[in-house]
Amino acid sequence: MRKPYATKDGYLVVLPYTDNNWQKLFEIADRQYLIDDPRFADLATRNLHSGEIYQILNDIIATHTTANGNMIWDSPMSRCKKSIAKKIF
């Protein structure tokens, strides 16, 4: 589910779209083993396993502070779209 994810001290929105975005996210998050996971190989299989992949994303984001998450996702390696959610309505 695309939504703001809780960090240790706030919220962060990370919106990977393409196969490459997801692969970079897994690489940056030190979860390279997910790059070759057939459940997440392409859009069709990610859609079939959307609950699982978004739980993984939730787990990744939860390990960071908002500032640290922003620094990671803003790094030159990252091609993931991101924004900060300051308030949840």
Protein backbone atom coordinates (compact mmCIF):
# COMPACT_ATOMS: atom_id res chain seq x y z
CA MET A 1 0.00 0.00 0.00
CA ARG A 2 1.36 3.38 -0.93
CA LYS A 3 1.23 5.49 2.20
CA PRO A 4 3.45 7.30 4.67
CA TYR A 5 5.46 4.73 6.62
CA ALA A 6 6.44 5.25 10.24
CA THR A 7 10.11 5.89 10.92
CA LYS A 8 11.61 5.89 14.40
CA ASP A 9 10.60 9.53 14.82
CA GLY A 10 8.11 10.50 12.13
CA TYR A 11 6.97 9.42 8.71
CA LEU A 12 8.50 8.92 5.29
CA VAL A 13 7.01 8.21 1.90
CA VAL A 14 9.13 6.18 -0.50
CA LEU A 15 7.52 5.43 -3.84
CA PRO A 16 9.53 3.00 -5.95
CA TYR A 17 7.80 2.41 -9.29
CA THR A 18 10.03 0.66 -11.79
CA ASP A 19 11.88 -2.63 -11.56
CA ASN A 20 15.09 -0.63 -11.26
CA ASN A 21 13.62 1.50 -8.42
CA TRP A 22 12.78 -1.62 -6.42
CA GLN A 23 16.17 -3.20 -7.13
CA LYS A 24 17.96 -0.04 -5.96
CA LEU A 25 15.78 0.11 -2.86
CA PHE A 26 16.64 -3.49 -1.97
CA GLU A 27 20.32 -2.76 -2.59
CA ILE A 28 20.34 0.42 -0.48
CA ALA A 29 18.43 -1.35 2.31
CA ASP A 30 21.02 -4.16 2.29
CA ARG A 31 18.43 -6.71 1.20
CA GLN A 32 20.08 -7.79 -2.04
CA TYR A 33 18.58 -11.27 -1.70
CA LEU A 34 15.21 -9.73 -2.60
CA ILE A 35 16.50 -8.55 -5.99
CA ASP A 36 16.33 -12.11 -7.31
CA ASP A 37 13.14 -13.04 -5.46
CA PRO A 38 10.67 -14.11 -8.19
CA ARG A 39 7.76 -12.57 -6.24
CA PHE A 40 9.22 -9.11 -6.87
CA ALA A 41 10.81 -9.56 -10.31
CA ASP A 42 8.46 -7.27 -12.23
CA LEU A 43 5.29 -5.20 -11.92
CA ALA A 44 2.97 -8.15 -12.49
CA THR A 45 4.52 -10.31 -9.78
CA ARG A 46 4.87 -7.37 -7.38
CA ASN A 47 1.16 -6.70 -7.83
CA LEU A 48 0.38 -10.34 -7.02
CA HIS A 49 2.49 -10.03 -3.86
CA SER A 50 1.77 -6.39 -3.03
CA GLY A 51 0.96 -7.08 0.61
CA GLU A 52 4.30 -8.78 1.10
CA ILE A 53 6.42 -6.19 -0.68
CA TYR A 54 4.79 -3.27 1.11
CA GLN A 55 5.28 -5.02 4.46
CA ILE A 56 8.96 -5.34 3.57
CA LEU A 57 9.04 -1.63 2.70
CA ASN A 58 7.34 -0.87 6.03
CA ASP A 59 9.96 -2.94 7.87
CA ILE A 60 12.82 -1.17 6.05
CA ILE A 61 11.51 2.33 6.75
CA ALA A 62 10.80 1.52 10.43
CA THR A 63 14.52 0.93 11.07
CA HIS A 64 15.46 4.55 10.22
CA THR A 65 14.86 8.02 11.56
CA THR A 66 13.17 10.40 9.14
CA ALA A 67 16.37 12.41 8.64
CA ASN A 68 18.42 9.26 8.07
CA GLY A 69 15.82 7.91 5.68
CA ASN A 70 15.84 11.14 3.71
CA MET A 71 19.63 11.05 3.50
CA ILE A 72 19.59 7.45 2.25
CA TRP A 73 16.84 7.92 -0.32
CA ASP A 74 18.42 11.21 -1.52
CA SER A 75 21.76 9.53 -2.10
CA PRO A 76 23.11 9.42 -5.66
CA MET A 77 22.50 5.64 -5.75
CA SER A 78 18.80 6.07 -5.15
CA ARG A 79 16.31 6.65 -7.93
CA CYS A 80 13.31 6.23 -5.64
CA LYS A 81 10.85 9.08 -5.39
CA LYS A 82 10.38 10.30 -1.84
CA SER A 83 8.69 12.95 0.22
CA ILE A 84 8.16 13.68 3.88
CA ALA A 85 4.73 13.40 5.48
CA LYS A 86 4.64 15.91 8.33
CA LYS A 87 1.04 15.22 9.34
CA ILE A 88 -1.22 12.29 8.82
CA PHE A 89 -4.87 13.22 8.43
